[in-house]
Amino acid sequence: MAYLGTDVRYCKGIGEKKAQLLNKLGVFTVHDLVSYFPRKYEDRSQFKPIALTCDGETACIQGIVADTPRLVRIRR
């Protein structure tokens, strides 16, 4: 069980490399990790028509796959 004062590198799934990346963000302990919030969020709950998007804009679109490609493999 990890306590709030435990170093993040001792948490399951976090090795030395991930711990170094977290340290660059200012996350050193489990408490820091739990109370860390990202700078910004991307709202992916609202869909937008492709015609209304601008170049370089991040948008969430919805579509239907009409057909899947058929692969033909020729044996030699």
PDB file of N, CA and C in Angstrom:
ATOM      1  N   MET A   1       0.844  -1.175   0.000  1.00  0.00           N
ATOM      2  CA  MET A   1       0.000   0.000   0.000  1.00  0.00           C
ATOM      3  C   MET A   1       0.889   1.239   0.000  1.00  0.00           C
ATOM      4  N   ALA A   2       0.600   2.178  -0.871  1.00  0.00           N
ATOM      5  CA  ALA A   2       1.393   3.400  -0.965  1.00  0.00           C
ATOM      6  C   ALA A   2       0.777   4.479  -0.070  1.00  0.00           C
ATOM      7  N   TYR A   3       1.615   5.084   0.749  1.00  0.00           N
ATOM      8  CA  TYR A   3       1.177   6.186   1.591  1.00  0.00           C
ATOM      9  C   TYR A   3       1.436   7.491   0.863  1.00  0.00           C
ATOM     10  N   LEU A   4       0.812   8.561   1.294  1.00  0.00           N
ATOM     11  CA  LEU A   4       0.917   9.834   0.583  1.00  0.00           C
ATOM     12  C   LEU A   4       2.336  10.374   0.526  1.00  0.00           C
ATOM     13  N   GLY A   5       3.166  10.025   1.482  1.00  0.00           N
ATOM     14  CA  GLY A   5       4.539  10.507   1.490  1.00  0.00           C
ATOM     15  C   GLY A   5       5.508   9.630   0.714  1.00  0.00           C
ATOM     16  N   THR A   6       5.023   8.538   0.149  1.00  0.00           N
ATOM     17  CA  THR A   6       5.872   7.596  -0.580  1.00  0.00           C
ATOM     18  C   THR A   6       6.337   8.202  -1.892  1.00  0.00           C
ATOM     19  N   ASP A   7       7.591   7.973  -2.222  1.00  0.00           N
ATOM     20  CA  ASP A   7       8.143   8.435  -3.494  1.00  0.00           C
ATOM     21  C   ASP A   7       7.422   7.722  -4.637  1.00  0.00           C
ATOM     22  N   VAL A   8       7.148   8.450  -5.734  1.00  0.00           N
ATOM     23  CA  VAL A   8       6.371   7.872  -6.836  1.00  0.00           C
ATOM     24  C   VAL A   8       7.073   6.705  -7.510  1.00  0.00           C
ATOM     25  N   ARG A   9       8.387   6.643  -7.460  1.00  0.00           N
ATOM     26  CA  ARG A   9       9.094   5.553  -8.149  1.00  0.00           C
ATOM     27  C   ARG A   9       8.859   4.200  -7.486  1.00  0.00           C
ATOM     28  N   TYR A  10       8.327   4.201  -6.257  1.00  0.00           N
ATOM     29  CA  TYR A  10       8.026   2.951  -5.570  1.00  0.00           C
ATOM     30  C   TYR A  10       6.591   2.479  -5.818  1.00  0.00           C
ATOM     31  N   CYS A  11       5.828   3.226  -6.592  1.00  0.00           N
ATOM     32  CA  CYS A  11       4.462   2.821  -6.937  1.00  0.00           C
ATOM     33  C   CYS A  11       4.513   1.805  -8.069  1.00  0.00           C
ATOM     34  N   LYS A  12       3.595   0.867  -8.037  1.00  0.00           N
ATOM     35  CA  LYS A  12       3.538  -0.173  -9.055  1.00  0.00           C
ATOM     36  C   LYS A  12       3.255   0.462 -10.419  1.00  0.00           C
ATOM     37  N   GLY A  13       4.057   0.093 -11.412  1.00  0.00           N
ATOM     38  CA  GLY A  13       3.875   0.604 -12.765  1.00  0.00           C
ATOM     39  C   GLY A  13       4.676   1.848 -13.077  1.00  0.00           C
ATOM     40  N   ILE A  14       5.331   2.423 -12.083  1.00  0.00           N
ATOM     41  CA  ILE A  14       6.159   3.609 -12.305  1.00  0.00           C
ATOM     42  C   ILE A  14       7.601   3.228 -12.038  1.00  0.00           C
ATOM     43  N   GLY A  15       8.400   3.237 -13.086  1.00  0.00           N
ATOM     44  CA  GLY A  15       9.814   2.919 -12.954  1.00  0.00           C
ATOM     45  C   GLY A  15      10.646   4.186 -12.879  1.00  0.00           C
ATOM     46  N   GLU A  16      11.950   4.036 -13.060  1.00  0.00           N
ATOM     47  CA  GLU A  16      12.865   5.176 -12.974  1.00  0.00           C
ATOM     48  C   GLU A  16      12.589   6.218 -14.052  1.00  0.00           C
ATOM     49  N   LYS A  17      12.334   5.760 -15.289  1.00  0.00           N
ATOM     50  CA  LYS A  17      12.123   6.706 -16.393  1.00  0.00           C
ATOM     51  C   LYS A  17      10.856   7.527 -16.192  1.00  0.00           C
ATOM     52  N   LYS A  18       9.762   6.865 -15.819  1.00  0.00           N
ATOM     53  CA  LYS A  18       8.514   7.593 -15.580  1.00  0.00           C
ATOM     54  C   LYS A  18       8.647   8.499 -14.369  1.00  0.00           C
ATOM     55  N   ALA A  19       9.372   8.050 -13.363  1.00  0.00           N
ATOM     56  CA  ALA A  19       9.575   8.870 -12.167  1.00  0.00           C
ATOM     57  C   ALA A  19      10.343  10.139 -12.518  1.00  0.00           C
ATOM     58  N   GLN A  20      11.331  10.035 -13.401  1.00  0.00           N
ATOM     59  CA  GLN A  20      12.082  11.218 -13.825  1.00  0.00           C
ATOM     60  C   GLN A  20      11.188  12.193 -14.582  1.00  0.00           C
ATOM     61  N   LEU A  21      10.303  11.670 -15.440  1.00  0.00           N
ATOM     62  CA  LEU A  21       9.372  12.540 -16.162  1.00  0.00           C
ATOM     63  C   LEU A  21       8.404  13.228 -15.206  1.00  0.00           C
ATOM     64  N   LEU A  22       7.923  12.483 -14.212  1.00  0.00           N
ATOM     65  CA  LEU A  22       7.029  13.078 -13.219  1.00  0.00           C
ATOM     66  C   LEU A  22       7.755  14.123 -12.380  1.00  0.00           C
ATOM     67  N   ASN A  23       9.022  13.877 -12.068  1.00  0.00           N
ATOM     68  CA  ASN A  23       9.799  14.842 -11.291  1.00  0.00           C
ATOM     69  C   ASN A  23       9.951  16.162 -12.039  1.00  0.00           C
ATOM     70  N   LYS A  24      10.063  16.102 -13.374  1.00  0.00           N
ATOM     71  CA  LYS A  24      10.151  17.333 -14.173  1.00  0.00           C
ATOM     72  C   LYS A  24       8.865  18.153 -14.072  1.00  0.00           C
ATOM     73  N   LEU A  25       7.742  17.464 -13.818  1.00  0.00           N
ATOM     74  CA  LEU A  25       6.457  18.149 -13.646  1.00  0.00           C
ATOM     75  C   LEU A  25       6.234  18.614 -12.215  1.00  0.00           C
ATOM     76  N   GLY A  26       7.168  18.294 -11.328  1.00  0.00           N
ATOM     77  CA  GLY A  26       7.034  18.678  -9.926  1.00  0.00           C
ATOM     78  C   GLY A  26       6.307  17.647  -9.090  1.00  0.00           C
ATOM     79  N   VAL A  27       6.185  16.430  -9.594  1.00  0.00           N
ATOM     80  CA  VAL A  27       5.508  15.348  -8.876  1.00  0.00           C
ATOM     81  C   VAL A  27       6.572  14.422  -8.308  1.00  0.00           C
ATOM     82  N   PHE A  28       6.700  14.422  -6.963  1.00  0.00           N
ATOM     83  CA  PHE A  28       7.727  13.623  -6.301  1.00  0.00           C
ATOM     84  C   PHE A  28       7.134  12.541  -5.400  1.00  0.00           C
ATOM     85  N   THR A  29       5.966  12.819  -4.821  1.00  0.00           N
ATOM     86  CA  THR A  29       5.350  11.869  -3.897  1.00  0.00           C
ATOM     87  C   THR A  29       3.968  11.460  -4.406  1.00  0.00           C
ATOM     88  N   VAL A  30       3.374  10.466  -3.746  1.00  0.00           N
ATOM     89  CA  VAL A  30       2.023  10.031  -4.102  1.00  0.00           C
ATOM     90  C   VAL A  30       1.038  11.177  -3.890  1.00  0.00           C
ATOM     91  N   HIS A  31       1.246  11.971  -2.848  1.00  0.00           N
ATOM     92  CA  HIS A  31       0.385  13.134  -2.599  1.00  0.00           C
ATOM     93  C   HIS A  31       0.451  14.106  -3.769  1.00  0.00           C
ATOM     94  N   ASP A  32       1.650  14.372  -4.274  1.00  0.00           N
ATOM     95  CA  ASP A  32       1.800  15.256  -5.431  1.00  0.00           C
ATOM     96  C   ASP A  32       1.061  14.693  -6.642  1.00  0.00           C
ATOM     97  N   LEU A  33       1.142  13.382  -6.831  1.00  0.00           N
ATOM     98  CA  LEU A  33       0.504  12.729  -7.974  1.00  0.00           C
ATOM     99  C   LEU A  33      -1.017  12.819  -7.886  1.00  0.00           C
ATOM    100  N   VAL A  34      -1.566  12.619  -6.694  1.00  0.00           N
ATOM    101  CA  VAL A  34      -3.015  12.666  -6.515  1.00  0.00           C
ATOM    102  C   VAL A  34      -3.545  14.088  -6.673  1.00  0.00           C
ATOM    103  N   SER A  35      -2.766  15.071  -6.269  1.00  0.00           N
ATOM    104  CA  SER A  35      -3.234  16.457  -6.326  1.00  0.00           C
ATOM    105  C   SER A  35      -2.759  17.193  -7.574  1.00  0.00           C
ATOM    106  N   TYR A  36      -2.158  16.484  -8.533  1.00  0.00           N
ATOM    107  CA  TYR A  36      -1.691  17.112  -9.774  1.00  0.00           C
ATOM    108  C   TYR A  36      -2.846  17.227 -10.758  1.00  0.00           C
ATOM    109  N   PHE A  37      -3.029  18.407 -11.314  1.00  0.00           N
ATOM    110  CA  PHE A  37      -4.049  18.640 -12.328  1.00  0.00           C
ATOM    111  C   PHE A  37      -3.378  19.207 -13.573  1.00  0.00           C
ATOM    112  N   PRO A  38      -3.769  18.763 -14.752  1.00  0.00           N
ATOM    113  CA  PRO A  38      -3.159  19.273 -15.984  1.00  0.00           C
ATOM    114  C   PRO A  38      -3.494  20.745 -16.212  1.00  0.00           C
ATOM    115  N   ARG A  39      -2.682  21.400 -17.051  1.00  0.00           N
ATOM    116  CA  ARG A  39      -2.882  22.819 -17.337  1.00  0.00           C
ATOM    117  C   ARG A  39      -4.168  23.088 -18.100  1.00  0.00           C
ATOM    118  N   LYS A  40      -4.496  22.213 -19.058  1.00  0.00           N
ATOM    119  CA  LYS A  40      -5.699  22.435 -19.856  1.00  0.00           C
ATOM    120  C   LYS A  40      -6.360  21.097 -20.176  1.00  0.00           C
ATOM    121  N   TYR A  41      -7.591  21.183 -20.605  1.00  0.00           N
ATOM    122  CA  TYR A  41      -8.365  20.001 -20.956  1.00  0.00           C
ATOM    123  C   TYR A  41      -8.866  20.146 -22.385  1.00  0.00           C
ATOM    124  N   GLU A  42      -9.041  19.020 -23.063  1.00  0.00           N
ATOM    125  CA  GLU A  42      -9.681  19.016 -24.373  1.00  0.00           C
ATOM    126  C   GLU A  42     -11.085  18.460 -24.194  1.00  0.00           C
ATOM    127  N   ASP A  43     -12.081  19.250 -24.561  1.00  0.00           N
ATOM    128  CA  ASP A  43     -13.470  18.812 -24.446  1.00  0.00           C
ATOM    129  C   ASP A  43     -13.790  17.912 -25.632  1.00  0.00           C
ATOM    130  N   ARG A  44     -13.927  16.625 -25.372  1.00  0.00           N
ATOM    131  CA  ARG A  44     -14.234  15.669 -26.431  1.00  0.00           C
ATOM    132  C   ARG A  44     -15.684  15.200 -26.362  1.00  0.00           C
ATOM    133  N   SER A  45     -16.518  15.929 -25.645  1.00  0.00           N
ATOM    134  CA  SER A  45     -17.917  15.536 -25.518  1.00  0.00           C
ATOM    135  C   SER A  45     -18.794  16.175 -26.587  1.00  0.00           C
ATOM    136  N   GLN A  46     -18.314  17.243 -27.220  1.00  0.00           N
ATOM    137  CA  GLN A  46     -19.089  17.947 -28.234  1.00  0.00           C
ATOM    138  C   GLN A  46     -18.543  17.642 -29.622  1.00  0.00           C
ATOM    139  N   PHE A  47     -19.385  17.072 -30.490  1.00  0.00           N
ATOM    140  CA  PHE A  47     -18.984  16.790 -31.863  1.00  0.00           C
ATOM    141  C   PHE A  47     -19.178  18.040 -32.712  1.00  0.00           C
ATOM    142  N   LYS A  48     -18.330  18.168 -33.749  1.00  0.00           N
ATOM    143  CA  LYS A  48     -18.382  19.340 -34.607  1.00  0.00           C
ATOM    144  C   LYS A  48     -18.326  18.888 -36.060  1.00  0.00           C
ATOM    145  N   PRO A  49     -19.169  19.442 -36.937  1.00  0.00           N
ATOM    146  CA  PRO A  49     -19.086  19.079 -38.355  1.00  0.00           C
ATOM    147  C   PRO A  49     -17.739  19.489 -38.946  1.00  0.00           C
ATOM    148  N   ILE A  50     -17.218  18.680 -39.844  1.00  0.00           N
ATOM    149  CA  ILE A  50     -15.912  18.965 -40.445  1.00  0.00           C
ATOM    150  C   ILE A  50     -15.926  20.305 -41.167  1.00  0.00           C
ATOM    151  N   ALA A  51     -17.037  20.661 -41.781  1.00  0.00           N
ATOM    152  CA  ALA A  51     -17.128  21.916 -42.533  1.00  0.00           C
ATOM    153  C   ALA A  51     -16.956  23.143 -41.639  1.00  0.00           C
ATOM    154  N   LEU A  52     -17.215  23.013 -40.350  1.00  0.00           N
ATOM    155  CA  LEU A  52     -17.109  24.153 -39.434  1.00  0.00           C
ATOM    156  C   LEU A  52     -15.762  24.241 -38.723  1.00  0.00           C
ATOM    157  N   THR A  53     -14.857  23.322 -38.993  1.00  0.00           N
ATOM    158  CA  THR A  53     -13.550  23.364 -38.339  1.00  0.00           C
ATOM    159  C   THR A  53     -12.580  24.214 -39.146  1.00  0.00           C
ATOM    160  N   CYS A  54     -11.603  24.780 -38.463  1.00  0.00           N
ATOM    161  CA  CYS A  54     -10.574  25.605 -39.098  1.00  0.00           C
ATOM    162  C   CYS A  54      -9.261  24.827 -39.133  1.00  0.00           C
ATOM    163  N   ASP A  55      -8.334  25.278 -39.971  1.00  0.00           N
ATOM    164  CA  ASP A  55      -7.017  24.651 -40.037  1.00  0.00           C
ATOM    165  C   ASP A  55      -6.310  24.782 -38.693  1.00  0.00           C
ATOM    166  N   GLY A  56      -5.743  23.695 -38.213  1.00  0.00           N
ATOM    167  CA  GLY A  56      -5.005  23.696 -36.957  1.00  0.00           C
ATOM    168  C   GLY A  56      -5.876  23.582 -35.720  1.00  0.00           C
ATOM    169  N   GLU A  57      -7.178  23.569 -35.885  1.00  0.00           N
ATOM    170  CA  GLU A  57      -8.094  23.480 -34.749  1.00  0.00           C
ATOM    171  C   GLU A  57      -8.276  22.022 -34.330  1.00  0.00           C
ATOM    172  N   THR A  58      -8.313  21.791 -33.037  1.00  0.00           N
ATOM    173  CA  THR A  58      -8.599  20.462 -32.518  1.00  0.00           C
ATOM    174  C   THR A  58     -10.109  20.323 -32.395  1.00  0.00           C
ATOM    175  N   ALA A  59     -10.656  19.275 -32.999  1.00  0.00           N
ATOM    176  CA  ALA A  59     -12.102  19.079 -32.971  1.00  0.00           C
ATOM    177  C   ALA A  59     -12.408  17.597 -32.836  1.00  0.00           C
ATOM    178  N   CYS A  60     -13.577  17.307 -32.314  1.00  0.00           N
ATOM    179  CA  CYS A  60     -14.052  15.935 -32.184  1.00  0.00           C
ATOM    180  C   CYS A  60     -15.122  15.720 -33.249  1.00  0.00           C
ATOM    181  N   ILE A  61     -14.876  14.765 -34.141  1.00  0.00           N
ATOM    182  CA  ILE A  61     -15.830  14.495 -35.211  1.00  0.00           C
ATOM    183  C   ILE A  61     -16.368  13.081 -35.068  1.00  0.00           C
ATOM    184  N   GLN A  62     -17.493  12.837 -35.703  1.00  0.00           N
ATOM    185  CA  GLN A  62     -18.127  11.528 -35.639  1.00  0.00           C
ATOM    186  C   GLN A  62     -18.394  11.073 -37.064  1.00  0.00           C
ATOM    187  N   GLY A  63     -18.131   9.797 -37.334  1.00  0.00           N
ATOM    188  CA  GLY A  63     -18.343   9.289 -38.681  1.00  0.00           C
ATOM    189  C   GLY A  63     -18.774   7.838 -38.672  1.00  0.00           C
ATOM    190  N   ILE A  64     -19.087   7.341 -39.856  1.00  0.00           N
ATOM    191  CA  ILE A  64     -19.502   5.951 -40.041  1.00  0.00           C
ATOM    192  C   ILE A  64     -18.549   5.302 -41.029  1.00  0.00           C
ATOM    193  N   VAL A  65     -18.049   4.124 -40.699  1.00  0.00           N
ATOM    194  CA  VAL A  65     -17.205   3.366 -41.618  1.00  0.00           C
ATOM    195  C   VAL A  65     -18.137   2.673 -42.600  1.00  0.00           C
ATOM    196  N   ALA A  66     -18.093   3.103 -43.865  1.00  0.00           N
ATOM    197  CA  ALA A  66     -19.014   2.580 -44.875  1.00  0.00           C
ATOM    198  C   ALA A  66     -18.592   1.208 -45.376  1.00  0.00           C
ATOM    199  N   ASP A  67     -17.299   0.990 -45.527  1.00  0.00           N
ATOM    200  CA  ASP A  67     -16.825  -0.275 -46.075  1.00  0.00           C
ATOM    201  C   ASP A  67     -15.399  -0.498 -45.596  1.00  0.00           C
ATOM    202  N   THR A  68     -15.026  -1.736 -45.471  1.00  0.00           N
ATOM    203  CA  THR A  68     -13.653  -2.061 -45.102  1.00  0.00           C
ATOM    204  C   THR A  68     -12.911  -2.529 -46.341  1.00  0.00           C
ATOM    205  N   PRO A  69     -11.633  -2.199 -46.457  1.00  0.00           N
ATOM    206  CA  PRO A  69     -10.881  -2.641 -47.638  1.00  0.00           C
ATOM    207  C   PRO A  69     -10.683  -4.153 -47.624  1.00  0.00           C
ATOM    208  N   ARG A  70     -10.704  -4.722 -48.793  1.00  0.00           N
ATOM    209  CA  ARG A  70     -10.497  -6.163 -48.916  1.00  0.00           C
ATOM    210  C   ARG A  70      -9.072  -6.401 -49.384  1.00  0.00           C
ATOM    211  N   LEU A  71      -8.348  -7.189 -48.626  1.00  0.00           N
ATOM    212  CA  LEU A  71      -6.968  -7.507 -48.973  1.00  0.00           C
ATOM    213  C   LEU A  71      -6.926  -8.828 -49.723  1.00  0.00           C
ATOM    214  N   VAL A  72      -6.293  -8.808 -50.877  1.00  0.00           N
ATOM    215  CA  VAL A  72      -6.140 -10.020 -51.675  1.00  0.00           C
ATOM    216  C   VAL A  72      -4.669 -10.388 -51.643  1.00  0.00           C
ATOM    217  N   ARG A  73      -4.384 -11.556 -51.151  1.00  0.00           N
ATOM    218  CA  ARG A  73      -2.996 -12.019 -51.079  1.00  0.00           C
ATOM    219  C   ARG A  73      -2.795 -13.134 -52.094  1.00  0.00           C
ATOM    220  N   ILE A  74      -1.792 -12.971 -52.905  1.00  0.00           N
ATOM    221  CA  ILE A  74      -1.482 -13.964 -53.925  1.00  0.00           C
ATOM    222  C   ILE A  74      -0.314 -14.798 -53.434  1.00  0.00           C
ATOM    223  N   ARG A  75      -0.511 -16.102 -53.400  1.00  0.00           N
ATOM    224  CA  ARG A  75       0.572 -17.000 -52.978  1.00  0.00           C
ATOM    225  C   ARG A  75       1.466 -17.292 -54.167  1.00  0.00           C
ATOM    226  N   ARG A  76       2.729 -17.327 -53.916  1.00  0.00           N
ATOM    227  CA  ARG A  76       3.683 -17.642 -54.991  1.00  0.00           C
ATOM    228  C   ARG A  76       4.356 -18.946 -54.736  1.00  0.00           C
TER     229      ARG A  76
END
